[in-house]
Protein backbone atom coordinates (compact mmCIF):
# COMPACT_ATOMS: atom_id res chain seq x y z
CA MET A 1 10.94 -2.40 2.03
CA PRO A 2 9.64 -5.95 1.63
CA GLN A 3 7.46 -7.42 4.35
CA THR A 4 9.17 -10.12 6.37
CA VAL A 5 8.35 -13.19 8.37
CA ILE A 6 10.69 -14.57 11.03
CA ALA A 7 11.04 -18.25 10.29
CA SER A 8 12.73 -19.75 13.35
CA GLU A 9 15.97 -20.06 15.22
CA ALA A 10 17.16 -22.88 12.95
CA LYS A 11 20.80 -21.82 12.80
CA GLN A 12 21.75 -24.51 10.28
CA SER A 13 18.97 -23.90 7.76
CA PRO A 14 20.20 -24.71 4.25
CA ARG A 15 20.91 -21.87 1.84
CA LEU A 16 17.60 -22.19 0.13
CA LEU A 17 15.79 -18.91 -0.06
CA ARG A 18 16.28 -15.86 -2.19
CA HIS A 19 16.90 -13.60 0.81
CA CYS A 20 18.30 -14.74 4.13
CA VAL A 21 19.44 -12.18 6.69
CA PRO A 22 20.90 -13.35 10.05
CA ARG A 23 19.73 -11.33 13.04
CA ASN A 24 20.52 -11.98 16.72
CA GLY A 25 21.06 -15.70 16.30
CA THR A 26 17.95 -16.16 14.17
CA PHE A 27 17.37 -16.10 10.45
CA LEU A 28 15.04 -13.56 8.95
CA TRP A 29 13.66 -14.87 5.68
CA THR A 30 12.50 -11.99 3.52
CA PHE A 31 10.09 -11.99 0.59
CA THR A 32 8.61 -9.24 -1.50
CA ILE A 33 4.97 -9.95 -0.72
CA SER A 34 3.73 -7.71 -3.50
CA SER A 35 5.31 -10.05 -6.05
CA LEU A 36 3.23 -12.91 -4.65
CA SER A 37 -0.10 -11.12 -4.52
CA LYS A 38 -1.96 -9.51 -7.35
CA LYS A 39 -0.34 -11.13 -10.37
CA SER A 40 0.89 -14.61 -9.43
CA MET A 41 -1.81 -15.27 -6.86
CA LYS A 42 -4.44 -15.22 -9.61
CA THR A 43 -3.26 -18.80 -10.14
CA TYR A 44 -5.10 -19.74 -6.95
CA PHE A 45 -8.31 -18.00 -7.90
CA LEU A 46 -10.81 -20.89 -7.70
CA HIS A 47 -13.47 -18.85 -5.92
CA PRO A 48 -14.84 -15.29 -6.09
CA ASP A 49 -12.34 -14.35 -3.39
CA SER A 50 -8.73 -15.44 -3.72
CA ILE A 51 -7.82 -18.59 -1.85
CA ARG A 52 -5.08 -16.74 -0.04
CA ASN A 53 -7.55 -14.19 1.37
CA LEU A 54 -9.86 -17.05 2.29
CA PHE A 55 -7.19 -18.70 4.43
CA ASP A 56 -6.10 -15.37 5.87
CA ASN A 57 -9.66 -14.85 7.07
CA ILE A 58 -10.15 -18.24 8.71
CA ALA A 59 -6.66 -18.48 10.28
CA PRO A 60 -7.89 -17.58 13.83
CA THR A 61 -10.33 -20.54 13.94
CA TYR A 62 -8.50 -22.88 11.56
CA ASP A 63 -7.14 -25.40 14.07
CA PHE A 64 -10.30 -25.53 16.17
CA LEU A 65 -12.54 -26.11 13.16
CA ASN A 66 -10.20 -28.70 11.66
CA HIS A 67 -10.50 -30.80 14.79
CA LEU A 68 -14.22 -30.19 15.25
CA LEU A 69 -15.38 -30.75 11.68
CA SER A 70 -13.22 -33.85 11.17
CA LEU A 71 -14.30 -35.24 14.56
CA SER A 72 -10.58 -35.13 15.41
CA ARG A 73 -9.70 -37.56 12.62
CA ASP A 74 -7.29 -34.97 11.26
CA TYR A 75 -4.77 -36.03 13.91
CA TYR A 76 -4.86 -39.59 12.57
CA TRP A 77 -4.67 -38.47 8.93
CA ARG A 78 -1.54 -36.40 9.57
CA LYS A 79 0.06 -39.18 11.59
CA MET A 80 -0.51 -41.72 8.82
CA ALA A 81 0.76 -39.37 6.12
CA VAL A 82 3.94 -38.56 8.00
CA GLN A 83 4.57 -42.27 8.56
CA GLN A 84 5.19 -42.45 4.81
CA LEU A 85 8.45 -40.60 5.55
CA LYS A 86 9.84 -43.52 7.56
CA GLY A 87 13.55 -43.88 6.91
CA LEU A 88 13.90 -40.41 5.39
CA GLU A 89 16.11 -37.99 7.29
CA GLY A 90 17.61 -34.55 6.81
CA TRP A 91 15.53 -31.61 5.57
CA ILE A 92 11.85 -32.26 4.71
CA LEU A 93 9.70 -29.69 2.90
CA ASP A 94 6.12 -29.13 4.06
CA ILE A 95 4.17 -27.15 1.46
CA ALA A 96 0.88 -25.47 2.42
CA THR A 97 2.06 -25.88 5.99
CA GLY A 98 -0.83 -23.81 7.37
CA THR A 99 -0.49 -23.55 11.14
CA GLY A 100 2.35 -26.08 11.20
CA ASP A 101 0.68 -29.25 12.49
CA VAL A 102 2.17 -31.48 9.78
CA ALA A 103 5.65 -30.02 10.32
CA ILE A 104 5.35 -30.67 14.06
CA GLU A 105 4.20 -34.24 13.44
CA MET A 106 7.22 -34.80 11.19
CA ILE A 107 9.50 -33.90 14.09
CA ARG A 108 7.43 -35.81 16.63
CA GLN A 109 8.02 -39.00 14.65
CA ASN A 110 11.76 -38.38 14.21
CA SER A 111 13.29 -35.55 16.20
CA GLN A 112 16.87 -36.82 16.12
CA HIS A 113 17.65 -36.87 12.41
CA ARG A 114 15.13 -34.60 10.75
CA LYS A 115 14.51 -30.88 10.19
CA VAL A 116 11.49 -29.33 8.51
CA PHE A 117 10.91 -26.26 6.38
CA GLY A 118 7.26 -25.18 6.16
CA LEU A 119 6.03 -22.96 3.34
CA ASP A 120 2.67 -21.25 2.93
CA PHE A 121 1.23 -18.28 1.05
CA SER A 122 -0.90 -17.07 3.97
CA GLU A 123 0.94 -14.77 6.37
CA PRO A 124 -1.58 -15.16 9.23
CA MET A 125 -1.19 -18.94 8.98
CA ILE A 126 2.61 -18.74 9.02
CA LYS A 127 2.56 -16.44 12.05
CA ARG A 128 0.38 -18.90 13.95
CA ALA A 129 2.65 -21.79 12.94
CA HIS A 130 5.69 -19.90 14.18
CA ARG A 131 4.09 -19.13 17.54
CA LYS A 132 3.06 -22.76 17.93
CA VAL A 133 6.59 -24.03 17.21
CA LEU A 134 8.16 -21.48 19.57
CA GLY A 135 5.80 -22.63 22.32
CA LYS A 136 6.88 -26.23 21.83
CA GLY A 137 10.57 -25.36 21.78
CA LEU A 138 10.99 -26.70 18.24
CA SER A 139 12.22 -23.54 16.53
CA PRO A 140 15.82 -24.85 16.14
CA ILE A 141 14.57 -27.64 13.85
CA ILE A 142 11.43 -26.21 12.20
CA ALA A 143 11.54 -23.08 10.01
CA PHE A 144 8.70 -21.32 8.22
CA SER A 145 8.34 -18.78 5.44
CA LEU A 146 5.95 -17.32 2.93
CA GLY A 147 6.27 -18.73 -0.56
CA ASP A 148 4.54 -19.87 -3.75
CA ALA A 149 4.06 -23.59 -4.45
CA LEU A 150 4.33 -22.92 -8.19
CA SER A 151 7.79 -21.38 -7.90
CA LEU A 152 9.56 -22.84 -4.90
CA PRO A 153 12.47 -20.66 -3.76
CA PHE A 154 14.82 -23.60 -3.27
CA ARG A 155 17.68 -25.16 -5.17
CA ASP A 156 17.31 -28.46 -7.01
CA SER A 157 17.76 -31.66 -4.98
CA THR A 158 17.74 -29.94 -1.59
CA PHE A 159 15.25 -31.99 0.44
CA SER A 160 14.88 -35.67 1.28
CA ALA A 161 11.13 -35.45 0.71
CA SER A 162 8.31 -32.98 0.07
CA MET A 163 4.74 -33.16 1.33
CA ILE A 164 1.57 -31.19 0.78
CA ALA A 165 -1.41 -31.80 3.07
CA PHE A 166 -4.87 -30.57 2.10
CA GLY A 167 -3.40 -27.95 -0.20
CA LEU A 168 -3.02 -29.31 -3.72
CA ARG A 169 -6.73 -29.07 -4.52
CA ASN A 170 -6.47 -25.30 -4.00
CA ILE A 171 -3.96 -24.91 -6.82
CA VAL A 172 -5.14 -24.64 -10.42
CA LYS A 173 -1.80 -25.70 -11.92
CA LYS A 174 -1.48 -28.87 -9.89
CA GLU A 175 1.06 -30.54 -12.16
CA GLN A 176 3.31 -27.49 -12.04
CA ALA A 177 3.21 -27.59 -8.25
CA LEU A 178 4.04 -31.29 -8.30
CA CYS A 179 6.90 -30.70 -10.72
CA GLU A 180 8.31 -28.19 -8.26
CA MET A 181 7.93 -30.69 -5.41
CA VAL A 182 9.89 -33.22 -7.49
CA ARG A 183 12.55 -30.72 -8.54
CA VAL A 184 13.56 -29.76 -5.00
CA ILE A 185 13.95 -33.32 -3.65
CA LYS A 186 16.93 -35.60 -4.07
CA ARG A 187 16.92 -38.68 -6.31
CA GLY A 188 15.21 -41.49 -4.47
CA GLY A 189 13.31 -38.95 -2.39
CA LYS A 190 9.58 -39.07 -1.82
CA VAL A 191 6.65 -36.83 -2.73
CA ILE A 192 3.55 -37.23 -0.54
CA ILE A 193 0.06 -35.82 -0.96
CA LEU A 194 -2.53 -35.93 1.83
CA GLU A 195 -5.84 -34.78 0.45
CA PHE A 196 -9.59 -34.99 0.86
CA THR A 197 -11.20 -37.45 -1.52
CA PHE A 198 -14.73 -38.71 -1.92
CA PRO A 199 -15.85 -42.12 -0.59
CA GLN A 200 -16.48 -44.48 -3.49
CA LYS A 201 -18.45 -47.27 -1.81
CA GLY A 202 -20.29 -48.45 1.29
CA LEU A 203 -22.33 -46.54 3.84
CA MET A 204 -19.87 -43.67 3.85
CA ARG A 205 -20.63 -42.97 0.20
CA ARG A 206 -24.29 -42.34 1.08
CA LEU A 207 -23.82 -40.47 4.35
CA TYR A 208 -20.76 -38.37 3.66
CA PRO A 209 -22.26 -36.15 0.92
CA ILE A 210 -24.97 -35.03 3.35
CA TYR A 211 -22.43 -34.03 5.97
CA PHE A 212 -19.94 -32.60 3.51
CA LYS A 213 -22.36 -30.48 1.48
CA LYS A 214 -24.93 -29.53 4.11
CA VAL A 215 -23.60 -29.74 7.66
CA LEU A 216 -19.93 -28.79 7.29
CA PRO A 217 -20.46 -25.50 5.38
CA ARG A 218 -23.08 -24.30 7.84
CA VAL A 219 -21.23 -25.21 11.03
CA GLY A 220 -17.84 -24.09 9.72
CA GLY A 221 -19.26 -20.88 8.33
CA PHE A 222 -21.12 -20.04 11.53
CA LEU A 223 -18.16 -20.65 13.85
CA SER A 224 -15.55 -19.01 11.63
CA GLY A 225 -17.70 -16.10 10.53
CA ASP A 226 -16.81 -16.91 6.91
CA ARG A 227 -19.49 -19.09 5.36
CA GLU A 228 -18.01 -18.61 1.89
CA ALA A 229 -14.79 -20.33 2.95
CA TYR A 230 -16.53 -23.47 4.11
CA ALA A 231 -18.86 -23.52 1.11
CA TYR A 232 -15.70 -23.57 -0.99
CA LEU A 233 -14.33 -26.73 0.68
CA PRO A 234 -16.80 -29.28 -0.77
CA GLU A 235 -16.63 -27.53 -4.15
CA SER A 236 -12.85 -27.87 -4.26
CA VAL A 237 -12.91 -31.57 -3.33
CA LEU A 238 -15.60 -32.49 -5.84
CA HIS A 239 -13.48 -31.04 -8.66
CA PHE A 240 -10.76 -33.60 -7.89
CA ALA A 241 -12.57 -36.31 -6.00
CA SER A 242 -10.53 -39.53 -6.31
CA ALA A 243 -7.05 -40.73 -5.38
CA GLU A 244 -6.71 -42.09 -8.90
CA ASN A 245 -6.68 -38.54 -10.25
CA TYR A 246 -3.67 -37.73 -8.09
CA GLU A 247 -1.94 -41.01 -8.92
CA GLU A 248 -2.18 -40.31 -12.65
CA MET A 249 -0.82 -36.82 -12.16
CA MET A 250 2.13 -38.12 -10.13
CA ARG A 251 3.04 -40.53 -12.90
CA ARG A 252 2.85 -37.76 -15.48
CA VAL A 253 5.46 -35.73 -13.60
CA GLY A 254 7.80 -38.72 -13.61
CA LEU A 255 7.36 -40.26 -10.16
CA GLU A 256 7.73 -44.02 -9.72
CA ASN A 257 6.21 -46.56 -7.32
CA VAL A 258 3.08 -44.44 -7.07
CA ASN A 259 0.46 -45.76 -4.68
CA SER A 260 -2.36 -44.55 -2.46
CA LEU A 261 -3.85 -45.34 0.92
CA SER A 262 -7.49 -44.68 1.71
CA LEU A 263 -8.32 -43.26 5.14
CA THR A 264 -11.60 -43.19 7.08
CA GLY A 265 -13.63 -44.90 4.39
CA GLY A 266 -12.21 -42.77 1.60
CA VAL A 267 -12.79 -39.35 3.19
CA ALA A 268 -9.06 -38.68 2.84
CA SER A 269 -6.25 -40.36 0.94
CA ILE A 270 -2.46 -40.47 1.02
CA ILE A 271 -0.81 -40.61 -2.39
CA SER A 272 2.95 -41.03 -2.70
CA GLY A 273 5.66 -41.54 -5.29
CA ILE A 274 9.45 -41.80 -5.57
CA LYS A 275 11.76 -39.60 -7.61
CA LYS A 276 13.75 -41.64 -10.10
CA CYS A 277 17.31 -42.46 -9.05
């Protein structure tokens, strides 16, 4: 029997996934987890331990450390990224949804005309996201499931937009993931990346490396009990350090009107593009 994750009580979820079984007024989205583990998950192997296991391990302290280590700027970053969805309604896809904060922000900014589907490859993260949404009474309009960013289990042209926040750097085949994000959105829809970048000028350029390479790994590792995970973070950002890298990649996958917005002195950036009509 495949393992399962209850997504939400979203009774009007689109027919997107490979297996959808109604149960007691809810939908039970089922995936064969084994097919997403040993073989395909090698794609995410950027560190001695798989990235999926890394996020599984830090799930219990993930939200707390996000807020602490960003000095609570993560709230602002998510808010600004979701504002890029202004005017877009219907179903929105949130890839690498983690514990669901971006999905919740999407609804907070437009609860009347928007529904969100969050996808992640970490089961502990998805379970936390689901509990959080249930507690806020948002389960009718936010659904979650396990899934692979490189092979999205959705039909072409299903969503109004797709977003990935702080997740693309963890994927080796970034262009393939972006191609999938483009495939599943409608013509004229939007693809949005929110990602850590590296400050290019000013005082932040001198101070940030000290914090990012020295302080963050030690504090994050101590509080989470997984120092390896927080040593990985600066490594992953330095491999893809500028918004220009993401802009070029977006253009290569066929997106138009590509632009970026620097946040907090360049610590994070929002990069977006439009699918050709």
